[in-house]
Amino acid sequence: MNEWTDTSRTLPTEHEYVRFVVTGHSQALLGVYEHQSFHSRWGTYDKAHVRIWYKVGDAPHVPAPVRVAPEQRC
């Protein structure tokens, strides 16, 4: 079983799949850690705003595809 890790102790590996809890909230979000931020489908959270996280899956060998803003989609 995965254990929660405090972001003040360590951070995930780049592109690693994680569950994380934003400071002031109790619900965990599912997302990816990349570019020193936690990304979920609802937003991007700076590492300073995330209090705990745990690894869900390994980082892929290839970086995730570039995110496209909704107004840029075809």
Foldseek 3Di string as FASTA:
>chain_A
DWDKDFLVVDDDDAQFWKWWDFPPDDDTATAGQHPQWTDGPVGIGHSVGTTIMTTDGGHDPDHDDDDDPPVPDD
